Amino acid sequence: MMKRLTYVLALALVVASCGSKKRTVNQKKKETVAQNQNRTPKTDSPKDGPKDSELYPLPENPGRFVKFPIANTQEYIETFAEMAQFEMRAYGIPASITLAQGILESGSGRGELTKKTNNHFGIKCHTGWDGEYDFHDDDAKGECFRKYNHPMYSFRDHSIFLSTRSRYKFLFNYRRDDYKKWAYGLRQAGYATDRKYPQKLIALIERYNLDAYDKEVLKGGFEPVREPKEYEVLTHVVQKGDTLYAISRKYAISVEELKQLNNLSGNTISIGQVLNIRREKTK
């Protein structure tokens, strides 16, 4: 009888101990989740552009850029037009293009991805992203998309995304009021796989007169932060042993840009093939 009583008491102590440990682990897990949810995503400006702490810091009062739920496209424009103009002054991307992309990619702020991530431009995680993220079905199932704790971080990250990637550099040679060139340029650079992407952007801009926001910025004496760069087009004849990676290193451009310039769907190239190379002119 004594042995049985001792066994029951020991078992009770083990169960109590496990329950205590389980509560401790669950509490730590909850605290970790809460910390991650409150973590502000990385929003640094590009290395060769204005820093947030200098010329164009993000607004101190972000509440004015949010109105949920957004009822329609016109309300989306009214909510985010000022933000798009703010980014145009900082990075030189036409406000009309930013707004049209936001409307299209986010479903005027009502899309499933945007609602759960504040991602207004469909920007995927990509290598180097160390902010929050979530998974969403797009071109493939369960793709990784960037997540922001406020829409204005999405607008800022969109500006950084376009202004720091080599394949989009040529866009900044276009006039800031030439939204048609920007629309076709985005498709050329591979922003979207939809062949009608430029036409859709242009249709939105013209339907809602979004170019008026560009004119308003330009009227205020806008000068691009980054000077337009001049490029030269060269050709490279593929030799034995050449790879896209080796060629990209030789001319200091990305493999992705090489593929875009030469309409390559894969990494296969053949001896004697002529590739177009675009690089920045040296002064």
C-alpha atoms as a PDB file:
ATOM      1  CA  MET A   1       0.000   0.000   0.000  1.00  0.00           C
ATOM      2  CA  MET A   2       2.854   2.368   0.907  1.00  0.00           C
ATOM      3  CA  LYS A   3       4.651   1.673  -2.424  1.00  0.00           C
ATOM      4  CA  ARG A   4       1.452   2.407  -4.377  1.00  0.00           C
ATOM      5  CA  LEU A   5       0.931   5.712  -2.529  1.00  0.00           C
ATOM      6  CA  THR A   6       4.552   6.714  -3.205  1.00  0.00           C
ATOM      7  CA  TYR A   7       4.114   5.963  -6.937  1.00  0.00           C
ATOM      8  CA  VAL A   8       0.906   8.047  -7.153  1.00  0.00           C
ATOM      9  CA  LEU A   9       2.579  11.023  -5.439  1.00  0.00           C
ATOM     10  CA  ALA A  10       5.597  10.789  -7.743  1.00  0.00           C
ATOM     11  CA  LEU A  11       3.364  10.654 -10.816  1.00  0.00           C
ATOM     12  CA  ALA A  12       1.433  13.697  -9.637  1.00  0.00           C
ATOM     13  CA  LEU A  13       4.676  15.643  -9.223  1.00  0.00           C
ATOM     14  CA  VAL A  14       5.801  14.711 -12.761  1.00  0.00           C
ATOM     15  CA  VAL A  15       2.466  15.781 -14.277  1.00  0.00           C
ATOM     16  CA  ALA A  16       2.543  19.076 -12.376  1.00  0.00           C
ATOM     17  CA  SER A  17       6.123  19.675 -13.496  1.00  0.00           C
ATOM     18  CA  CYS A  18       5.240  18.987 -17.179  1.00  0.00           C
ATOM     19  CA  GLY A  19       2.246  21.280 -16.964  1.00  0.00           C
ATOM     20  CA  SER A  20       4.432  24.039 -15.538  1.00  0.00           C
ATOM     21  CA  LYS A  21       7.034  23.592 -18.285  1.00  0.00           C
ATOM     22  CA  LYS A  22       4.329  23.570 -20.967  1.00  0.00           C
ATOM     23  CA  ARG A  23       2.869  26.827 -19.641  1.00  0.00           C
ATOM     24  CA  THR A  24       6.355  28.375 -19.590  1.00  0.00           C
ATOM     25  CA  VAL A  25       7.070  27.314 -23.197  1.00  0.00           C
ATOM     26  CA  ASN A  26       3.671  28.549 -24.393  1.00  0.00           C
ATOM     27  CA  GLN A  27       4.178  31.856 -22.606  1.00  0.00           C
ATOM     28  CA  LYS A  28       7.611  32.298 -24.234  1.00  0.00           C
ATOM     29  CA  LYS A  29       6.117  31.404 -27.641  1.00  0.00           C
ATOM     30  CA  LYS A  30       3.370  34.016 -27.202  1.00  0.00           C
ATOM     31  CA  GLU A  31       5.946  36.651 -26.202  1.00  0.00           C
ATOM     32  CA  THR A  32       8.089  35.829 -29.267  1.00  0.00           C
ATOM     33  CA  VAL A  33       5.087  36.089 -31.617  1.00  0.00           C
ATOM     34  CA  ALA A  34       4.097  39.417 -30.065  1.00  0.00           C
ATOM     35  CA  GLN A  35       7.648  40.760 -30.498  1.00  0.00           C
ATOM     36  CA  ASN A  36       7.718  39.693 -34.162  1.00  0.00           C
ATOM     37  CA  GLN A  37       4.358  41.308 -34.831  1.00  0.00           C
ATOM     38  CA  ASN A  38       5.564  44.590 -33.377  1.00  0.00           C
ATOM     39  CA  ARG A  39       8.907  44.544 -35.173  1.00  0.00           C
ATOM     40  CA  THR A  40       9.282  47.335 -37.716  1.00  0.00           C
ATOM     41  CA  PRO A  41      10.470  46.036 -41.090  1.00  0.00           C
ATOM     42  CA  LYS A  42      13.710  47.252 -42.616  1.00  0.00           C
ATOM     43  CA  THR A  43      13.047  50.541 -44.385  1.00  0.00           C
ATOM     44  CA  ASP A  44      16.499  51.933 -45.083  1.00  0.00           C
ATOM     45  CA  SER A  45      16.883  54.094 -48.155  1.00  0.00           C
ATOM     46  CA  PRO A  46      19.254  52.991 -50.925  1.00  0.00           C
ATOM     47  CA  LYS A  47      22.957  53.515 -50.257  1.00  0.00           C
ATOM     48  CA  ASP A  48      23.317  56.017 -53.086  1.00  0.00           C
ATOM     49  CA  GLY A  49      20.043  57.803 -52.431  1.00  0.00           C
ATOM     50  CA  PRO A  50      18.650  60.054 -49.697  1.00  0.00           C
ATOM     51  CA  LYS A  51      18.538  58.589 -46.203  1.00  0.00           C
ATOM     52  CA  ASP A  52      15.229  58.534 -44.326  1.00  0.00           C
ATOM     53  CA  SER A  53      16.861  60.577 -41.585  1.00  0.00           C
ATOM     54  CA  GLU A  54      18.017  63.257 -43.989  1.00  0.00           C
ATOM     55  CA  LEU A  55      16.097  64.616 -47.004  1.00  0.00           C
ATOM     56  CA  TYR A  56      12.903  62.598 -46.987  1.00  0.00           C
ATOM     57  CA  PRO A  57      12.068  60.961 -43.664  1.00  0.00           C
ATOM     58  CA  LEU A  58       8.791  59.053 -43.530  1.00  0.00           C
ATOM     59  CA  PRO A  59       5.897  61.107 -42.117  1.00  0.00           C
ATOM     60  CA  GLU A  60       5.594  61.235 -38.337  1.00  0.00           C
ATOM     61  CA  ASN A  61       1.820  60.929 -38.569  1.00  0.00           C
ATOM     62  CA  PRO A  62       1.089  57.877 -40.730  1.00  0.00           C
ATOM     63  CA  GLY A  63      -2.584  57.820 -39.771  1.00  0.00           C
ATOM     64  CA  ARG A  64      -3.528  60.204 -42.567  1.00  0.00           C
ATOM     65  CA  PHE A  65      -2.494  57.587 -45.138  1.00  0.00           C
ATOM     66  CA  VAL A  66      -4.890  54.972 -43.841  1.00  0.00           C
ATOM     67  CA  LYS A  67      -8.629  54.661 -44.228  1.00  0.00           C
ATOM     68  CA  PHE A  68     -10.007  51.157 -43.796  1.00  0.00           C
ATOM     69  CA  PRO A  69     -11.959  49.595 -45.204  1.00  0.00           C
ATOM     70  CA  ILE A  70     -11.362  51.309 -48.547  1.00  0.00           C
ATOM     71  CA  ALA A  71     -14.633  51.330 -50.453  1.00  0.00           C
ATOM     72  CA  ASN A  72     -13.490  51.837 -54.034  1.00  0.00           C
ATOM     73  CA  THR A  73     -10.656  52.912 -56.334  1.00  0.00           C
ATOM     74  CA  GLN A  74     -11.406  56.616 -56.012  1.00  0.00           C
ATOM     75  CA  GLU A  75     -11.149  56.381 -52.241  1.00  0.00           C
ATOM     76  CA  TYR A  76      -7.860  54.494 -52.605  1.00  0.00           C
ATOM     77  CA  ILE A  77      -6.504  57.340 -54.730  1.00  0.00           C
ATOM     78  CA  GLU A  78      -7.655  59.966 -52.253  1.00  0.00           C
ATOM     79  CA  THR A  79      -6.036  58.004 -49.413  1.00  0.00           C
ATOM     80  CA  PHE A  80      -2.640  57.383 -50.994  1.00  0.00           C
ATOM     81  CA  ALA A  81      -2.122  60.172 -53.562  1.00  0.00           C
ATOM     82  CA  GLU A  82      -0.169  62.278 -51.072  1.00  0.00           C
ATOM     83  CA  MET A  83       2.034  59.303 -50.209  1.00  0.00           C
ATOM     84  CA  ALA A  84       2.725  58.643 -53.907  1.00  0.00           C
ATOM     85  CA  GLN A  85       3.697  62.290 -54.415  1.00  0.00           C
ATOM     86  CA  PHE A  86       5.900  62.147 -51.329  1.00  0.00           C
ATOM     87  CA  GLU A  87       7.755  59.181 -52.832  1.00  0.00           C
ATOM     88  CA  MET A  88       8.011  60.923 -56.215  1.00  0.00           C
ATOM     89  CA  ARG A  89       9.808  63.846 -54.593  1.00  0.00           C
ATOM     90  CA  ALA A  90      12.135  61.471 -52.772  1.00  0.00           C
ATOM     91  CA  TYR A  91      12.950  58.956 -55.503  1.00  0.00           C
ATOM     92  CA  GLY A  92      11.712  60.338 -58.824  1.00  0.00           C
ATOM     93  CA  ILE A  93       9.144  57.631 -59.609  1.00  0.00           C
ATOM     94  CA  PRO A  94       6.014  59.235 -61.126  1.00  0.00           C
ATOM     95  CA  ALA A  95       3.181  59.370 -58.605  1.00  0.00           C
ATOM     96  CA  SER A  96       0.810  58.249 -61.351  1.00  0.00           C
ATOM     97  CA  ILE A  97       2.818  55.046 -61.853  1.00  0.00           C
ATOM     98  CA  THR A  98       2.997  54.354 -58.110  1.00  0.00           C
ATOM     99  CA  LEU A  99      -0.747  54.855 -57.709  1.00  0.00           C
ATOM    100  CA  ALA A 100      -1.640  52.798 -60.785  1.00  0.00           C
ATOM    101  CA  GLN A 101       0.595  49.946 -59.631  1.00  0.00           C
ATOM    102  CA  GLY A 102      -0.905  50.132 -56.145  1.00  0.00           C
ATOM    103  CA  ILE A 103      -4.437  50.005 -57.536  1.00  0.00           C
ATOM    104  CA  LEU A 104      -3.645  47.101 -59.828  1.00  0.00           C
ATOM    105  CA  GLU A 105      -1.494  45.032 -57.480  1.00  0.00           C
ATOM    106  CA  SER A 106      -3.586  45.519 -54.340  1.00  0.00           C
ATOM    107  CA  GLY A 107      -7.062  45.503 -55.884  1.00  0.00           C
ATOM    108  CA  SER A 108      -7.467  49.093 -54.690  1.00  0.00           C
ATOM    109  CA  GLY A 109      -6.399  48.040 -51.207  1.00  0.00           C
ATOM    110  CA  ARG A 110      -9.030  45.317 -50.974  1.00  0.00           C
ATOM    111  CA  GLY A 111      -7.026  42.312 -52.151  1.00  0.00           C
ATOM    112  CA  GLU A 112      -6.462  39.365 -49.822  1.00  0.00           C
ATOM    113  CA  LEU A 113      -2.664  39.744 -49.826  1.00  0.00           C
ATOM    114  CA  THR A 114      -2.836  43.483 -49.094  1.00  0.00           C
ATOM    115  CA  LYS A 115      -5.314  43.028 -46.262  1.00  0.00           C
ATOM    116  CA  LYS A 116      -3.086  40.589 -44.419  1.00  0.00           C
ATOM    117  CA  THR A 117       0.347  42.068 -45.226  1.00  0.00           C
ATOM    118  CA  ASN A 118      -0.105  45.773 -46.129  1.00  0.00           C
ATOM    119  CA  ASN A 119       1.805  44.846 -49.307  1.00  0.00           C
ATOM    120  CA  HIS A 120       0.386  47.163 -51.977  1.00  0.00           C
ATOM    121  CA  PHE A 121       2.779  46.293 -54.807  1.00  0.00           C
ATOM    122  CA  GLY A 122       2.983  42.518 -54.783  1.00  0.00           C
ATOM    123  CA  ILE A 123       6.690  42.575 -53.906  1.00  0.00           C
ATOM    124  CA  LYS A 124       7.978  39.105 -53.085  1.00  0.00           C
ATOM    125  CA  CYS A 125      10.577  38.364 -50.421  1.00  0.00           C
ATOM    126  CA  HIS A 126      13.615  37.990 -52.721  1.00  0.00           C
ATOM    127  CA  THR A 127      17.128  37.398 -51.411  1.00  0.00           C
ATOM    128  CA  GLY A 128      18.197  39.785 -48.670  1.00  0.00           C
ATOM    129  CA  TRP A 129      14.755  40.620 -47.258  1.00  0.00           C
ATOM    130  CA  ASP A 130      14.948  40.445 -43.457  1.00  0.00           C
ATOM    131  CA  GLY A 131      11.561  41.921 -42.585  1.00  0.00           C
ATOM    132  CA  GLU A 132       8.269  40.173 -41.865  1.00  0.00           C
ATOM    133  CA  TYR A 133       6.699  37.961 -44.518  1.00  0.00           C
ATOM    134  CA  ASP A 134       3.676  35.829 -45.321  1.00  0.00           C
ATOM    135  CA  PHE A 135       2.741  33.214 -47.898  1.00  0.00           C
ATOM    136  CA  HIS A 136       0.230  33.703 -50.682  1.00  0.00           C
ATOM    137  CA  ASP A 137      -0.696  31.879 -53.895  1.00  0.00           C
ATOM    138  CA  ASP A 138       0.386  33.876 -56.945  1.00  0.00           C
ATOM    139  CA  ASP A 139       2.275  32.567 -60.003  1.00  0.00           C
ATOM    140  CA  ALA A 140       2.958  29.506 -57.850  1.00  0.00           C
ATOM    141  CA  LYS A 141       1.365  28.158 -54.689  1.00  0.00           C
ATOM    142  CA  GLY A 142       2.509  29.489 -51.338  1.00  0.00           C
ATOM    143  CA  GLU A 143       4.948  32.170 -52.547  1.00  0.00           C
ATOM    144  CA  CYS A 144       6.732  34.374 -50.011  1.00  0.00           C
ATOM    145  CA  PHE A 145       5.646  38.040 -49.926  1.00  0.00           C
ATOM    146  CA  ARG A 146       6.953  40.938 -47.889  1.00  0.00           C
ATOM    147  CA  LYS A 147       4.830  42.046 -44.961  1.00  0.00           C
ATOM    148  CA  TYR A 148       4.670  45.541 -43.479  1.00  0.00           C
ATOM    149  CA  ASN A 149       3.109  46.901 -40.306  1.00  0.00           C
ATOM    150  CA  HIS A 150       1.828  49.984 -42.154  1.00  0.00           C
ATOM    151  CA  PRO A 151       1.027  50.810 -45.819  1.00  0.00           C
ATOM    152  CA  MET A 152       3.501  53.702 -45.935  1.00  0.00           C
ATOM    153  CA  TYR A 153       6.369  51.211 -45.453  1.00  0.00           C
ATOM    154  CA  SER A 154       5.100  49.371 -48.520  1.00  0.00           C
ATOM    155  CA  PHE A 155       5.178  52.594 -50.566  1.00  0.00           C
ATOM    156  CA  ARG A 156       8.712  53.372 -49.346  1.00  0.00           C
ATOM    157  CA  ASP A 157       9.913  49.825 -50.045  1.00  0.00           C
ATOM    158  CA  HIS A 158       8.446  50.048 -53.558  1.00  0.00           C
ATOM    159  CA  SER A 159      10.573  53.151 -54.174  1.00  0.00           C
ATOM    160  CA  ILE A 160      13.685  51.475 -52.801  1.00  0.00           C
ATOM    161  CA  PHE A 161      12.977  48.305 -54.785  1.00  0.00           C
ATOM    162  CA  LEU A 162      12.847  50.160 -58.124  1.00  0.00           C
ATOM    163  CA  SER A 163      15.686  52.580 -57.428  1.00  0.00           C
ATOM    164  CA  THR A 164      18.272  50.067 -56.216  1.00  0.00           C
ATOM    165  CA  ARG A 165      17.946  47.213 -58.715  1.00  0.00           C
ATOM    166  CA  SER A 166      20.052  47.428 -61.860  1.00  0.00           C
ATOM    167  CA  ARG A 167      17.332  46.133 -64.168  1.00  0.00           C
ATOM    168  CA  TYR A 168      15.191  49.205 -63.414  1.00  0.00           C
ATOM    169  CA  LYS A 169      17.968  51.790 -63.777  1.00  0.00           C
ATOM    170  CA  PHE A 170      17.029  52.780 -67.313  1.00  0.00           C
ATOM    171  CA  LEU A 171      13.598  53.904 -66.114  1.00  0.00           C
ATOM    172  CA  PHE A 172      15.173  56.861 -64.327  1.00  0.00           C
ATOM    173  CA  ASN A 173      16.341  58.254 -67.658  1.00  0.00           C
ATOM    174  CA  TYR A 174      12.713  58.816 -68.673  1.00  0.00           C
ATOM    175  CA  ARG A 175      10.906  62.081 -68.056  1.00  0.00           C
ATOM    176  CA  ARG A 176       8.915  62.054 -64.824  1.00  0.00           C
ATOM    177  CA  ASP A 177       5.746  62.980 -66.712  1.00  0.00           C
ATOM    178  CA  ASP A 178       6.108  60.247 -69.352  1.00  0.00           C
ATOM    179  CA  TYR A 179       3.980  57.624 -67.623  1.00  0.00           C
ATOM    180  CA  LYS A 180       3.607  55.591 -70.834  1.00  0.00           C
ATOM    181  CA  LYS A 181       7.348  54.961 -71.100  1.00  0.00           C
ATOM    182  CA  TRP A 182       7.484  54.070 -67.415  1.00  0.00           C
ATOM    183  CA  ALA A 183       4.587  51.640 -67.822  1.00  0.00           C
ATOM    184  CA  TYR A 184       6.183  49.832 -70.760  1.00  0.00           C
ATOM    185  CA  GLY A 185       9.592  50.003 -69.093  1.00  0.00           C
ATOM    186  CA  LEU A 186       8.322  48.203 -66.002  1.00  0.00           C
ATOM    187  CA  ARG A 187       7.075  45.336 -68.174  1.00  0.00           C
ATOM    188  CA  GLN A 188      10.363  45.289 -70.116  1.00  0.00           C
ATOM    189  CA  ALA A 189      12.331  45.078 -66.866  1.00  0.00           C
ATOM    190  CA  GLY A 190      10.250  42.136 -65.718  1.00  0.00           C
ATOM    191  CA  TYR A 191       8.177  43.666 -62.917  1.00  0.00           C
ATOM    192  CA  ALA A 192       5.147  41.631 -64.002  1.00  0.00           C
ATOM    193  CA  THR A 193       4.570  38.580 -66.185  1.00  0.00           C
ATOM    194  CA  ASP A 194       1.287  39.923 -67.579  1.00  0.00           C
ATOM    195  CA  ARG A 195       1.919  41.032 -71.175  1.00  0.00           C
ATOM    196  CA  LYS A 196      -0.861  43.612 -70.887  1.00  0.00           C
ATOM    197  CA  TYR A 197       0.578  45.112 -67.710  1.00  0.00           C
ATOM    198  CA  PRO A 198       1.594  48.425 -69.395  1.00  0.00           C
ATOM    199  CA  GLN A 199      -1.813  48.866 -71.026  1.00  0.00           C
ATOM    200  CA  LYS A 200      -3.548  48.230 -67.704  1.00  0.00           C
ATOM    201  CA  LEU A 201      -1.432  50.835 -65.918  1.00  0.00           C
ATOM    202  CA  ILE A 202      -1.978  53.404 -68.663  1.00  0.00           C
ATOM    203  CA  ALA A 203      -5.731  52.758 -68.687  1.00  0.00           C
ATOM    204  CA  LEU A 204      -5.914  53.376 -64.924  1.00  0.00           C
ATOM    205  CA  ILE A 205      -3.828  56.547 -65.162  1.00  0.00           C
ATOM    206  CA  GLU A 206      -5.980  57.981 -67.931  1.00  0.00           C
ATOM    207  CA  ARG A 207      -9.294  56.890 -66.439  1.00  0.00           C
ATOM    208  CA  TYR A 208      -8.577  58.519 -63.082  1.00  0.00           C
ATOM    209  CA  ASN A 209      -6.351  61.376 -64.346  1.00  0.00           C
ATOM    210  CA  LEU A 210      -3.498  60.207 -62.133  1.00  0.00           C
ATOM    211  CA  ASP A 211      -0.955  62.149 -64.183  1.00  0.00           C
ATOM    212  CA  ALA A 212      -2.376  65.298 -62.565  1.00  0.00           C
ATOM    213  CA  TYR A 213      -0.473  64.290 -59.420  1.00  0.00           C
ATOM    214  CA  ASP A 214       2.772  64.173 -61.429  1.00  0.00           C
ATOM    215  CA  LYS A 215       2.136  67.657 -62.805  1.00  0.00           C
ATOM    216  CA  GLU A 216       1.457  68.976 -59.322  1.00  0.00           C
ATOM    217  CA  VAL A 217       4.842  67.711 -58.106  1.00  0.00           C
ATOM    218  CA  LEU A 218       6.676  68.979 -61.192  1.00  0.00           C
ATOM    219  CA  LYS A 219       4.973  72.359 -60.912  1.00  0.00           C
ATOM    220  CA  GLY A 220       6.497  72.751 -57.469  1.00  0.00           C
ATOM    221  CA  GLY A 221      10.004  72.808 -58.948  1.00  0.00           C
ATOM    222  CA  PHE A 222      10.758  69.122 -58.520  1.00  0.00           C
ATOM    223  CA  GLU A 223      14.295  68.019 -59.270  1.00  0.00           C
ATOM    224  CA  PRO A 224      15.174  64.309 -59.238  1.00  0.00           C
ATOM    225  CA  VAL A 225      17.300  63.258 -56.313  1.00  0.00           C
ATOM    226  CA  ARG A 226      19.379  60.934 -58.473  1.00  0.00           C
ATOM    227  CA  GLU A 227      20.795  62.287 -61.715  1.00  0.00           C
ATOM    228  CA  PRO A 228      19.662  60.429 -64.861  1.00  0.00           C
ATOM    229  CA  LYS A 229      22.359  58.041 -65.988  1.00  0.00           C
ATOM    230  CA  GLU A 230      23.493  57.521 -69.554  1.00  0.00           C
ATOM    231  CA  TYR A 231      23.913  54.034 -70.913  1.00  0.00           C
ATOM    232  CA  GLU A 232      25.668  52.506 -73.880  1.00  0.00           C
ATOM    233  CA  VAL A 233      24.668  49.312 -75.672  1.00  0.00           C
ATOM    234  CA  LEU A 234      27.395  46.825 -76.520  1.00  0.00           C
ATOM    235  CA  THR A 235      27.351  43.323 -77.945  1.00  0.00           C
ATOM    236  CA  HIS A 236      29.100  40.195 -76.766  1.00  0.00           C
ATOM    237  CA  VAL A 237      29.670  37.135 -78.944  1.00  0.00           C
ATOM    238  CA  VAL A 238      29.422  33.981 -76.863  1.00  0.00           C
ATOM    239  CA  GLN A 239      32.692  32.030 -76.740  1.00  0.00           C
ATOM    240  CA  LYS A 240      33.423  28.503 -75.611  1.00  0.00           C
ATOM    241  CA  GLY A 241      33.187  28.296 -71.826  1.00  0.00           C
ATOM    242  CA  ASP A 242      31.018  31.422 -71.480  1.00  0.00           C
ATOM    243  CA  THR A 243      28.128  31.388 -69.033  1.00  0.00           C
ATOM    244  CA  LEU A 244      25.574  34.080 -68.280  1.00  0.00           C
ATOM    245  CA  TYR A 245      27.096  34.476 -64.837  1.00  0.00           C
ATOM    246  CA  ALA A 246      30.621  34.954 -66.234  1.00  0.00           C
ATOM    247  CA  ILE A 247      29.369  37.469 -68.809  1.00  0.00           C
ATOM    248  CA  SER A 248      27.412  39.372 -66.165  1.00  0.00           C
ATOM    249  CA  ARG A 249      30.540  39.645 -64.004  1.00  0.00           C
ATOM    250  CA  LYS A 250      32.599  40.834 -66.957  1.00  0.00           C
ATOM    251  CA  TYR A 251      30.231  43.705 -67.778  1.00  0.00           C
ATOM    252  CA  ALA A 252      29.052  44.413 -64.199  1.00  0.00           C
ATOM    253  CA  ILE A 253      25.370  43.751 -64.821  1.00  0.00           C
ATOM    254  CA  SER A 254      23.044  41.137 -63.352  1.00  0.00           C
ATOM    255  CA  VAL A 255      22.174  37.807 -64.965  1.00  0.00           C
ATOM    256  CA  GLU A 256      18.525  38.810 -64.716  1.00  0.00           C
ATOM    257  CA  GLU A 257      19.166  42.002 -66.688  1.00  0.00           C
ATOM    258  CA  LEU A 258      21.086  40.045 -69.331  1.00  0.00           C
ATOM    259  CA  LYS A 259      18.133  37.711 -69.760  1.00  0.00           C
ATOM    260  CA  GLN A 260      15.698  40.605 -69.986  1.00  0.00           C
ATOM    261  CA  LEU A 261      17.780  42.438 -72.593  1.00  0.00           C
ATOM    262  CA  ASN A 262      18.061  39.354 -74.779  1.00  0.00           C
ATOM    263  CA  ASN A 263      14.616  37.823 -74.202  1.00  0.00           C
ATOM    264  CA  LEU A 264      16.097  34.677 -72.665  1.00  0.00           C
ATOM    265  CA  SER A 265      13.717  32.447 -70.753  1.00  0.00           C
ATOM    266  CA  GLY A 266      16.475  30.194 -69.413  1.00  0.00           C
ATOM    267  CA  ASN A 267      20.217  30.165 -68.776  1.00  0.00           C
ATOM    268  CA  THR A 268      21.215  28.318 -71.952  1.00  0.00           C
ATOM    269  CA  ILE A 269      23.400  30.181 -74.476  1.00  0.00           C
ATOM    270  CA  SER A 270      25.291  28.883 -77.511  1.00  0.00           C
ATOM    271  CA  ILE A 271      28.685  29.590 -79.052  1.00  0.00           C
ATOM    272  CA  GLY A 272      28.452  32.398 -81.591  1.00  0.00           C
ATOM    273  CA  GLN A 273      25.266  33.834 -80.095  1.00  0.00           C
ATOM    274  CA  VAL A 274      25.264  37.653 -79.974  1.00  0.00           C
ATOM    275  CA  LEU A 275      24.101  39.145 -76.697  1.00  0.00           C
ATOM    276  CA  ASN A 276      23.165  42.758 -76.080  1.00  0.00           C
ATOM    277  CA  ILE A 277      24.908  44.375 -73.137  1.00  0.00           C
ATOM    278  CA  ARG A 278      23.798  47.638 -71.555  1.00  0.00           C
ATOM    279  CA  ARG A 279      26.084  49.408 -69.131  1.00  0.00           C
ATOM    280  CA  GLU A 280      26.456  52.827 -67.623  1.00  0.00           C
ATOM    281  CA  LYS A 281      28.666  55.253 -69.537  1.00  0.00           C
ATOM    282  CA  THR A 282      31.816  56.290 -67.764  1.00  0.00           C
ATOM    283  CA  LYS A 283      32.589  60.003 -67.682  1.00  0.00           C
END
